[in-house]
C-alpha cells in the first residue's frame, strides 16, 4: 500500500523571503517633474487666467452695476485690475523673450564660435608683430564681434554676423568671403556701435538683459535728468538772489550777511 509523502518543512525564520522583502514599486517611484504635477495646468495657463481675470474686472467696473459699487470696493477692484494688467504684460514679455532665445540660440552659438576663432587668429598675428597698429585695430574689431554675438539683446531678433545662404547648383560656398579669404562680417550696423559703446562703459550685461535704451541704462538716464534739474534749479535760485541783492543796493540798503546761527549768537551767551 502506498504511503503519503510528508509535507516539506516550512522555511526557517532566519531565511529571507522574497515575498517579504519585495519592494513596492508604486510607493518608491521618483517624483513627477514640475510640468507634470497637479499644479502644472494652472502654471501653464497663467496668461489665460490673467486674461480671464482682467475681463471679469473690466465687466464689473464698466457694467450696469458699476454705479452701485461702494467707493472702497471700486478702488480695490481698480487696483486689482492694474496689478493683473502688469502681470499679464510681464508674462507676455517673458514668453516672447523665451521664444526669441530659442529661435536664435543656434545661430548665436555659431556666430560666437566663428568670432572667437577670428579673434584667436588676430591675437596670434599681433603677437608676431606687436608694433603693427593695423593688427591692433583688427584685434579690437574681432573682440567686438565676440561681444556682439554674446551680448546682443535677448529680447530682440538677432541679426547674424556671418549669415549663410542656401547653396545653388552653380555655387560652391554659401558664405560671402572677402578677397583675403576671410568671411565678410555683416550684422546690424547700429547695434554694432551700441555694443562698442557698452563695452567701453562696462554695460554689456545690461544690454544683453534688455535694461538699456540706446546704450544707456535707466539709472544713468535718471541721474542725468536729476542732475540737470538740480543745476537748473540752483541756477535759477542764484539768479533770483543776485537780482534781489542788486535791488537792495539800488535802494541804498546794504545786503545782510548770511549767518549759520539763526539765533544771532544769543543762545551761546
C-alpha atoms as a PDB file:
ATOM      1  CA  UNK A   1       0.000   0.000   0.000  1.00  0.00           C
ATOM      2  CA  UNK A   2       1.412   3.401  -0.986  1.00  0.00           C
ATOM      3  CA  UNK A   3       2.330   5.831   1.751  1.00  0.00           C
ATOM      4  CA  UNK A   4       1.553   9.551   1.692  1.00  0.00           C
ATOM      5  CA  UNK A   5       4.562  11.807   1.089  1.00  0.00           C
ATOM      6  CA  UNK A   6       5.181  14.094   4.072  1.00  0.00           C
ATOM      7  CA  UNK A   7       4.787  17.832   3.600  1.00  0.00           C
ATOM      8  CA  UNK A   8       8.052  19.846   3.343  1.00  0.00           C
ATOM      9  CA  UNK A   9       9.248  21.756   6.375  1.00  0.00           C
ATOM     10  CA  UNK A  10       8.376  25.458   6.416  1.00  0.00           C
ATOM     11  CA  UNK A  11      11.192  27.909   5.666  1.00  0.00           C
ATOM     12  CA  UNK A  12      13.124  28.923   8.769  1.00  0.00           C
ATOM     13  CA  UNK A  13      12.544  32.402  10.178  1.00  0.00           C
ATOM     14  CA  UNK A  14      16.173  33.396   9.557  1.00  0.00           C
ATOM     15  CA  UNK A  15      15.892  32.735   5.852  1.00  0.00           C
ATOM     16  CA  UNK A  16      14.705  35.858   3.944  1.00  0.00           C
ATOM     17  CA  UNK A  17      11.552  35.519   1.978  1.00  0.00           C
ATOM     18  CA  UNK A  18      11.227  37.022  -1.494  1.00  0.00           C
ATOM     19  CA  UNK A  19       7.661  37.984  -0.792  1.00  0.00           C
ATOM     20  CA  UNK A  20       8.605  39.662   2.482  1.00  0.00           C
ATOM     21  CA  UNK A  21      11.393  41.842   1.015  1.00  0.00           C
ATOM     22  CA  UNK A  22       9.806  42.645  -2.301  1.00  0.00           C
ATOM     23  CA  UNK A  23       9.735  46.386  -2.846  1.00  0.00           C
ATOM     24  CA  UNK A  24       6.549  48.141  -3.720  1.00  0.00           C
ATOM     25  CA  UNK A  25       7.182  49.956  -6.982  1.00  0.00           C
ATOM     26  CA  UNK A  26       4.078  52.108  -6.588  1.00  0.00           C
ATOM     27  CA  UNK A  27       5.489  53.722  -3.421  1.00  0.00           C
ATOM     28  CA  UNK A  28       9.165  54.054  -4.387  1.00  0.00           C
ATOM     29  CA  UNK A  29       8.708  55.778  -7.763  1.00  0.00           C
ATOM     30  CA  UNK A  30      10.512  59.031  -8.482  1.00  0.00           C
ATOM     31  CA  UNK A  31       8.590  62.276  -8.060  1.00  0.00           C
ATOM     32  CA  UNK A  32       6.982  63.644 -11.181  1.00  0.00           C
ATOM     33  CA  UNK A  33       8.567  66.601 -12.958  1.00  0.00           C
ATOM     34  CA  UNK A  34       7.210  70.041 -12.244  1.00  0.00           C
ATOM     35  CA  UNK A  35       5.453  70.248 -15.605  1.00  0.00           C
ATOM     36  CA  UNK A  36       3.509  67.021 -14.906  1.00  0.00           C
ATOM     37  CA  UNK A  37       2.402  67.713 -11.349  1.00  0.00           C
ATOM     38  CA  UNK A  38      -1.040  68.629 -10.097  1.00  0.00           C
ATOM     39  CA  UNK A  39      -0.287  72.364 -10.350  1.00  0.00           C
ATOM     40  CA  UNK A  40       1.170  72.221 -13.849  1.00  0.00           C
ATOM     41  CA  UNK A  41      -2.114  73.067 -15.585  1.00  0.00           C
ATOM     42  CA  UNK A  42      -2.532  76.320 -13.687  1.00  0.00           C
ATOM     43  CA  UNK A  43       1.129  77.213 -14.177  1.00  0.00           C
ATOM     44  CA  UNK A  44       0.984  76.521 -17.908  1.00  0.00           C
ATOM     45  CA  UNK A  45      -2.136  78.646 -18.342  1.00  0.00           C
ATOM     46  CA  UNK A  46      -1.126  81.717 -16.352  1.00  0.00           C
ATOM     47  CA  UNK A  47      -1.715  84.043 -19.304  1.00  0.00           C
ATOM     48  CA  UNK A  48      -5.230  82.705 -19.891  1.00  0.00           C
ATOM     49  CA  UNK A  49      -6.084  83.023 -16.199  1.00  0.00           C
ATOM     50  CA  UNK A  50      -4.855  86.610 -16.149  1.00  0.00           C
ATOM     51  CA  UNK A  51      -6.847  87.484 -19.267  1.00  0.00           C
ATOM     52  CA  UNK A  52      -9.986  85.966 -17.764  1.00  0.00           C
ATOM     53  CA  UNK A  53      -9.441  87.878 -14.529  1.00  0.00           C
ATOM     54  CA  UNK A  54      -8.930  91.146 -16.432  1.00  0.00           C
ATOM     55  CA  UNK A  55     -12.142  90.622 -18.427  1.00  0.00           C
ATOM     56  CA  UNK A  56     -14.114  89.946 -15.260  1.00  0.00           C
ATOM     57  CA  UNK A  57     -12.766  93.038 -13.520  1.00  0.00           C
ATOM     58  CA  UNK A  58     -13.466  95.249 -16.540  1.00  0.00           C
ATOM     59  CA  UNK A  59     -17.040  93.963 -16.813  1.00  0.00           C
ATOM     60  CA  UNK A  60     -17.527  94.660 -13.128  1.00  0.00           C
ATOM     61  CA  UNK A  61     -16.142  98.204 -13.346  1.00  0.00           C
ATOM     62  CA  UNK A  62     -17.919  99.182 -16.578  1.00  0.00           C
ATOM     63  CA  UNK A  63     -21.114  97.128 -16.322  1.00  0.00           C
ATOM     64  CA  UNK A  64     -24.611  98.254 -15.333  1.00  0.00           C
ATOM     65  CA  UNK A  65     -23.890  97.601 -11.652  1.00  0.00           C
ATOM     66  CA  UNK A  66     -20.705  99.676 -11.596  1.00  0.00           C
ATOM     67  CA  UNK A  67     -22.507 102.773 -10.285  1.00  0.00           C
ATOM     68  CA  UNK A  68     -23.761 100.853  -7.259  1.00  0.00           C
ATOM     69  CA  UNK A  69     -20.276  99.781  -6.154  1.00  0.00           C
ATOM     70  CA  UNK A  70     -19.023 101.378  -2.934  1.00  0.00           C
ATOM     71  CA  UNK A  71     -16.001 103.650  -3.299  1.00  0.00           C
ATOM     72  CA  UNK A  72     -13.751 101.316  -1.310  1.00  0.00           C
ATOM     73  CA  UNK A  73     -14.732  98.276  -3.388  1.00  0.00           C
ATOM     74  CA  UNK A  74     -14.279 100.192  -6.638  1.00  0.00           C
ATOM     75  CA  UNK A  75     -10.811 101.395  -5.600  1.00  0.00           C
ATOM     76  CA  UNK A  76      -9.850  97.847  -4.633  1.00  0.00           C
ATOM     77  CA  UNK A  77     -11.052  96.398  -7.952  1.00  0.00           C
ATOM     78  CA  UNK A  78      -9.265  99.109  -9.943  1.00  0.00           C
ATOM     79  CA  UNK A  79      -6.066  98.358  -8.076  1.00  0.00           C
ATOM     80  CA  UNK A  80      -6.522  94.629  -8.758  1.00  0.00           C
ATOM     81  CA  UNK A  81      -7.104  95.394 -12.453  1.00  0.00           C
ATOM     82  CA  UNK A  82      -3.888  97.413 -12.717  1.00  0.00           C
ATOM     83  CA  UNK A  83      -1.941  94.632 -11.000  1.00  0.00           C
ATOM     84  CA  UNK A  84      -3.414  91.979 -13.306  1.00  0.00           C
ATOM     85  CA  UNK A  85      -2.588  94.051 -16.403  1.00  0.00           C
ATOM     86  CA  UNK A  86       1.003  94.488 -15.225  1.00  0.00           C
ATOM     87  CA  UNK A  87       1.304  90.748 -14.546  1.00  0.00           C
ATOM     88  CA  UNK A  88      -0.106  89.962 -17.994  1.00  0.00           C
ATOM     89  CA  UNK A  89       2.352  92.307 -19.696  1.00  0.00           C
ATOM     90  CA  UNK A  90       5.203  90.710 -17.745  1.00  0.00           C
ATOM     91  CA  UNK A  91       4.122  87.173 -18.676  1.00  0.00           C
ATOM     92  CA  UNK A  92       3.692  88.063 -22.347  1.00  0.00           C
ATOM     93  CA  UNK A  93       7.113  89.707 -22.422  1.00  0.00           C
ATOM     94  CA  UNK A  94       8.724  86.653 -20.809  1.00  0.00           C
ATOM     95  CA  UNK A  95       7.051  84.326 -23.330  1.00  0.00           C
ATOM     96  CA  UNK A  96       8.148  86.472 -26.273  1.00  0.00           C
ATOM     97  CA  UNK A  97      11.688  86.653 -24.897  1.00  0.00           C
ATOM     98  CA  UNK A  98      11.912  82.882 -24.450  1.00  0.00           C
ATOM     99  CA  UNK A  99      10.629  82.305 -27.989  1.00  0.00           C
ATOM    100  CA  UNK A 100      13.265  84.656 -29.417  1.00  0.00           C
ATOM    101  CA  UNK A 101      16.029  82.983 -27.394  1.00  0.00           C
ATOM    102  CA  UNK A 102      15.004  79.535 -28.620  1.00  0.00           C
ATOM    103  CA  UNK A 103      14.742  80.713 -32.236  1.00  0.00           C
ATOM    104  CA  UNK A 104      18.217  82.298 -32.414  1.00  0.00           C
ATOM    105  CA  UNK A 105      20.175  80.174 -29.959  1.00  0.00           C
ATOM    106  CA  UNK A 106      21.919  78.031 -32.568  1.00  0.00           C
ATOM    107  CA  UNK A 107      22.747  80.970 -34.870  1.00  0.00           C
ATOM    108  CA  UNK A 108      24.222  82.948 -31.985  1.00  0.00           C
ATOM    109  CA  UNK A 109      26.289  79.942 -30.946  1.00  0.00           C
ATOM    110  CA  UNK A 110      27.782  79.504 -34.430  1.00  0.00           C
ATOM    111  CA  UNK A 111      28.490  83.232 -34.737  1.00  0.00           C
ATOM    112  CA  UNK A 112      30.263  83.187 -31.394  1.00  0.00           C
ATOM    113  CA  UNK A 113      32.394  80.209 -32.431  1.00  0.00           C
ATOM    114  CA  UNK A 114      33.426  81.911 -35.676  1.00  0.00           C
ATOM    115  CA  UNK A 115      34.123  85.207 -33.913  1.00  0.00           C
ATOM    116  CA  UNK A 116      36.294  83.520 -31.271  1.00  0.00           C
ATOM    117  CA  UNK A 117      38.331  81.749 -33.963  1.00  0.00           C
ATOM    118  CA  UNK A 118      38.845  85.030 -35.808  1.00  0.00           C
ATOM    119  CA  UNK A 119      39.860  86.745 -32.553  1.00  0.00           C
ATOM    120  CA  UNK A 120      42.348  83.999 -31.735  1.00  0.00           C
ATOM    121  CA  UNK A 121      43.888  84.296 -35.196  1.00  0.00           C
ATOM    122  CA  UNK A 122      44.136  88.098 -34.940  1.00  0.00           C
ATOM    123  CA  UNK A 123      45.781  87.935 -31.499  1.00  0.00           C
ATOM    124  CA  UNK A 124      48.325  85.450 -32.774  1.00  0.00           C
ATOM    125  CA  UNK A 125      49.193  87.760 -35.674  1.00  0.00           C
ATOM    126  CA  UNK A 126      49.538  90.685 -33.253  1.00  0.00           C
ATOM    127  CA  UNK A 127      51.950  88.731 -31.033  1.00  0.00           C
ATOM    128  CA  UNK A 128      54.200  88.212 -34.037  1.00  0.00           C
ATOM    129  CA  UNK A 129      54.134  91.924 -34.890  1.00  0.00           C
ATOM    130  CA  UNK A 130      53.266  93.965 -31.794  1.00  0.00           C
ATOM    131  CA  UNK A 131      54.088  97.338 -33.376  1.00  0.00           C
ATOM    132  CA  UNK A 132      51.532  96.949 -36.142  1.00  0.00           C
ATOM    133  CA  UNK A 133      48.664  99.377 -35.416  1.00  0.00           C
ATOM    134  CA  UNK A 134      46.517  97.861 -38.135  1.00  0.00           C
ATOM    135  CA  UNK A 135      46.653  94.468 -36.420  1.00  0.00           C
ATOM    136  CA  UNK A 136      45.862  96.111 -33.084  1.00  0.00           C
ATOM    137  CA  UNK A 137      42.724  97.686 -34.525  1.00  0.00           C
ATOM    138  CA  UNK A 138      41.832  94.356 -36.079  1.00  0.00           C
ATOM    139  CA  UNK A 139      42.005  92.681 -32.658  1.00  0.00           C
ATOM    140  CA  UNK A 140      39.621  95.302 -31.241  1.00  0.00           C
ATOM    141  CA  UNK A 141      37.232  94.671 -34.106  1.00  0.00           C
ATOM    142  CA  UNK A 142      37.368  90.905 -33.503  1.00  0.00           C
ATOM    143  CA  UNK A 143      36.708  91.452 -29.790  1.00  0.00           C
ATOM    144  CA  UNK A 144      33.633  93.462 -30.681  1.00  0.00           C
ATOM    145  CA  UNK A 145      32.457  90.599 -32.898  1.00  0.00           C
ATOM    146  CA  UNK A 146      32.564  88.260 -29.896  1.00  0.00           C
ATOM    147  CA  UNK A 147      30.724  90.810 -27.748  1.00  0.00           C
ATOM    148  CA  UNK A 148      28.126  91.255 -30.488  1.00  0.00           C
ATOM    149  CA  UNK A 149      27.365  87.528 -30.575  1.00  0.00           C
ATOM    150  CA  UNK A 150      27.336  87.188 -26.776  1.00  0.00           C
ATOM    151  CA  UNK A 151      25.584  90.351 -25.635  1.00  0.00           C
ATOM    152  CA  UNK A 152      23.095  91.099 -28.390  1.00  0.00           C
ATOM    153  CA  UNK A 153      19.783  91.844 -26.576  1.00  0.00           C
ATOM    154  CA  UNK A 154      17.945  88.629 -25.839  1.00  0.00           C
ATOM    155  CA  UNK A 155      14.534  90.220 -26.331  1.00  0.00           C
ATOM    156  CA  UNK A 156      15.274  91.277 -29.923  1.00  0.00           C
ATOM    157  CA  UNK A 157      15.526  89.236 -33.100  1.00  0.00           C
ATOM    158  CA  UNK A 158      19.197  88.516 -33.668  1.00  0.00           C
ATOM    159  CA  UNK A 159      20.849  89.800 -36.855  1.00  0.00           C
ATOM    160  CA  UNK A 160      23.598  87.280 -37.738  1.00  0.00           C
ATOM    161  CA  UNK A 161      27.190  88.397 -38.135  1.00  0.00           C
ATOM    162  CA  UNK A 162      28.044  85.657 -40.613  1.00  0.00           C
ATOM    163  CA  UNK A 163      24.793  84.663 -42.347  1.00  0.00           C
ATOM    164  CA  UNK A 164      24.840  81.689 -44.673  1.00  0.00           C
ATOM    165  CA  UNK A 165      22.852  81.410 -47.881  1.00  0.00           C
ATOM    166  CA  UNK A 166      21.488  78.243 -49.342  1.00  0.00           C
ATOM    167  CA  UNK A 167      23.776  76.801 -51.977  1.00  0.00           C
ATOM    168  CA  UNK A 168      22.640  76.865 -55.542  1.00  0.00           C
ATOM    169  CA  UNK A 169      23.634  74.308 -58.113  1.00  0.00           C
ATOM    170  CA  UNK A 170      26.382  76.505 -59.597  1.00  0.00           C
ATOM    171  CA  UNK A 171      27.752  77.729 -56.232  1.00  0.00           C
ATOM    172  CA  UNK A 172      30.471  76.068 -54.215  1.00  0.00           C
ATOM    173  CA  UNK A 173      30.240  78.068 -50.989  1.00  0.00           C
ATOM    174  CA  UNK A 174      27.225  79.729 -49.396  1.00  0.00           C
ATOM    175  CA  UNK A 175      29.189  82.217 -47.282  1.00  0.00           C
ATOM    176  CA  UNK A 176      30.341  85.606 -48.519  1.00  0.00           C
ATOM    177  CA  UNK A 177      34.135  85.821 -48.433  1.00  0.00           C
ATOM    178  CA  UNK A 178      36.487  88.765 -48.764  1.00  0.00           C
ATOM    179  CA  UNK A 179      39.397  88.763 -51.229  1.00  0.00           C
ATOM    180  CA  UNK A 180      41.764  87.811 -48.378  1.00  0.00           C
ATOM    181  CA  UNK A 181      39.902  84.581 -47.750  1.00  0.00           C
ATOM    182  CA  UNK A 182      38.094  85.697 -44.569  1.00  0.00           C
ATOM    183  CA  UNK A 183      34.342  85.611 -44.176  1.00  0.00           C
ATOM    184  CA  UNK A 184      32.796  89.039 -44.589  1.00  0.00           C
ATOM    185  CA  UNK A 185      31.235  90.383 -41.408  1.00  0.00           C
ATOM    186  CA  UNK A 186      27.677  91.645 -41.686  1.00  0.00           C
ATOM    187  CA  UNK A 187      25.174  92.095 -38.838  1.00  0.00           C
ATOM    188  CA  UNK A 188      23.286  95.171 -37.658  1.00  0.00           C
ATOM    189  CA  UNK A 189      25.462  98.279 -38.004  1.00  0.00           C
ATOM    190  CA  UNK A 190      23.546 100.301 -35.405  1.00  0.00           C
ATOM    191  CA  UNK A 191      23.712  97.514 -32.830  1.00  0.00           C
ATOM    192  CA  UNK A 192      27.415  97.094 -33.643  1.00  0.00           C
ATOM    193  CA  UNK A 193      28.052 100.666 -32.483  1.00  0.00           C
ATOM    194  CA  UNK A 194      25.860 100.187 -29.396  1.00  0.00           C
ATOM    195  CA  UNK A 195      27.849  97.078 -28.417  1.00  0.00           C
ATOM    196  CA  UNK A 196      31.093  99.007 -28.852  1.00  0.00           C
ATOM    197  CA  UNK A 197      29.872 101.830 -26.581  1.00  0.00           C
ATOM    198  CA  UNK A 198      28.607  99.385 -23.971  1.00  0.00           C
ATOM    199  CA  UNK A 199      31.955  97.559 -23.965  1.00  0.00           C
ATOM    200  CA  UNK A 200      33.702 100.847 -23.193  1.00  0.00           C
ATOM    201  CA  UNK A 201      31.147 101.731 -20.490  1.00  0.00           C
ATOM    202  CA  UNK A 202      31.055  98.231 -18.963  1.00  0.00           C
ATOM    203  CA  UNK A 203      27.292  97.780 -19.500  1.00  0.00           C
ATOM    204  CA  UNK A 204      27.267  94.751 -21.798  1.00  0.00           C
ATOM    205  CA  UNK A 205      25.254  92.621 -19.356  1.00  0.00           C
ATOM    206  CA  UNK A 206      22.586  95.316 -19.123  1.00  0.00           C
ATOM    207  CA  UNK A 207      22.429  95.386 -22.913  1.00  0.00           C
ATOM    208  CA  UNK A 208      22.007  91.607 -23.065  1.00  0.00           C
ATOM    209  CA  UNK A 209      19.189  91.606 -20.497  1.00  0.00           C
ATOM    210  CA  UNK A 210      17.311  94.438 -22.205  1.00  0.00           C
ATOM    211  CA  UNK A 211      17.887  97.043 -19.500  1.00  0.00           C
ATOM    212  CA  UNK A 212      19.351  99.562 -21.956  1.00  0.00           C
ATOM    213  CA  UNK A 213      17.753 102.121 -24.250  1.00  0.00           C
ATOM    214  CA  UNK A 214      20.113 103.389 -26.972  1.00  0.00           C
ATOM    215  CA  UNK A 215      23.119 102.278 -24.949  1.00  0.00           C
ATOM    216  CA  UNK A 216      22.059 103.981 -21.691  1.00  0.00           C
ATOM    217  CA  UNK A 217      20.756 102.389 -18.526  1.00  0.00           C
ATOM    218  CA  UNK A 218      17.603 103.574 -16.833  1.00  0.00           C
ATOM    219  CA  UNK A 219      19.631 104.585 -13.771  1.00  0.00           C
ATOM    220  CA  UNK A 220      22.088 106.705 -15.760  1.00  0.00           C
ATOM    221  CA  UNK A 221      19.244 108.488 -17.559  1.00  0.00           C
ATOM    222  CA  UNK A 222      17.513 109.208 -14.246  1.00  0.00           C
ATOM    223  CA  UNK A 223      20.772 110.514 -12.781  1.00  0.00           C
ATOM    224  CA  UNK A 224      21.320 112.774 -15.790  1.00  0.00           C
ATOM    225  CA  UNK A 225      17.757 114.079 -15.542  1.00  0.00           C
ATOM    226  CA  UNK A 226      18.017 114.745 -11.801  1.00  0.00           C
ATOM    227  CA  UNK A 227      21.398 116.468 -12.231  1.00  0.00           C
ATOM    228  CA  UNK A 228      20.076 118.705 -14.998  1.00  0.00           C
ATOM    229  CA  UNK A 229      17.009 119.598 -12.939  1.00  0.00           C
ATOM    230  CA  UNK A 230      19.167 120.298  -9.888  1.00  0.00           C
ATOM    231  CA  UNK A 231      21.569 122.505 -11.859  1.00  0.00           C
ATOM    232  CA  UNK A 232      18.648 124.358 -13.445  1.00  0.00           C
ATOM    233  CA  UNK A 233      17.043 124.931 -10.035  1.00  0.00           C
ATOM    234  CA  UNK A 234      20.280 126.102  -8.427  1.00  0.00           C
ATOM    235  CA  UNK A 235      20.978 128.400 -11.373  1.00  0.00           C
ATOM    236  CA  UNK A 236      17.518 129.941 -11.086  1.00  0.00           C
ATOM    237  CA  UNK A 237      17.873 130.384  -7.314  1.00  0.00           C
ATOM    238  CA  UNK A 238      21.267 132.078  -7.607  1.00  0.00           C
ATOM    239  CA  UNK A 239      19.931 134.331 -10.360  1.00  0.00           C
ATOM    240  CA  UNK A 240      16.970 135.408  -8.226  1.00  0.00           C
ATOM    241  CA  UNK A 241      19.258 136.031  -5.258  1.00  0.00           C
ATOM    242  CA  UNK A 242      21.617 138.216  -7.312  1.00  0.00           C
ATOM    243  CA  UNK A 243      18.679 140.224  -8.657  1.00  0.00           C
ATOM    244  CA  UNK A 244      17.345 140.781  -5.127  1.00  0.00           C
ATOM    245  CA  UNK A 245      20.797 141.923  -3.938  1.00  0.00           C
ATOM    246  CA  UNK A 246      21.072 144.388  -6.809  1.00  0.00           C
ATOM    247  CA  UNK A 247      17.644 145.850  -5.978  1.00  0.00           C
ATOM    248  CA  UNK A 248      18.596 146.280  -2.306  1.00  0.00           C
ATOM    249  CA  UNK A 249      21.791 148.091  -3.264  1.00  0.00           C
ATOM    250  CA  UNK A 250      19.834 150.405  -5.557  1.00  0.00           C
ATOM    251  CA  UNK A 251      17.545 151.304  -2.637  1.00  0.00           C
ATOM    252  CA  UNK A 252      20.586 152.195  -0.535  1.00  0.00           C
ATOM    253  CA  UNK A 253      20.352 149.206   1.792  1.00  0.00           C
ATOM    254  CA  UNK A 254      23.376 147.054   2.467  1.00  0.00           C
ATOM    255  CA  UNK A 255      22.823 143.355   1.883  1.00  0.00           C
ATOM    256  CA  UNK A 256      22.551 141.322   5.064  1.00  0.00           C
ATOM    257  CA  UNK A 257      25.228 138.729   5.611  1.00  0.00           C
ATOM    258  CA  UNK A 258      24.106 135.143   5.920  1.00  0.00           C
ATOM    259  CA  UNK A 259      24.822 133.595   9.279  1.00  0.00           C
ATOM    260  CA  UNK A 260      24.850 129.934  10.136  1.00  0.00           C
ATOM    261  CA  UNK A 261      23.494 130.728  13.599  1.00  0.00           C
ATOM    262  CA  UNK A 262      19.887 131.827  13.145  1.00  0.00           C
ATOM    263  CA  UNK A 263      19.586 132.955  16.800  1.00  0.00           C
ATOM    264  CA  UNK A 264      22.222 135.670  16.327  1.00  0.00           C
ATOM    265  CA  UNK A 265      24.548 134.188  18.937  1.00  0.00           C
ATOM    266  CA  UNK A 266      22.308 134.914  21.937  1.00  0.00           C
ATOM    267  CA  UNK A 267      21.838 131.221  22.535  1.00  0.00           C
ATOM    268  CA  UNK A 268      25.508 130.671  23.377  1.00  0.00           C
ATOM    269  CA  UNK A 269      25.919 133.685  25.704  1.00  0.00           C
END
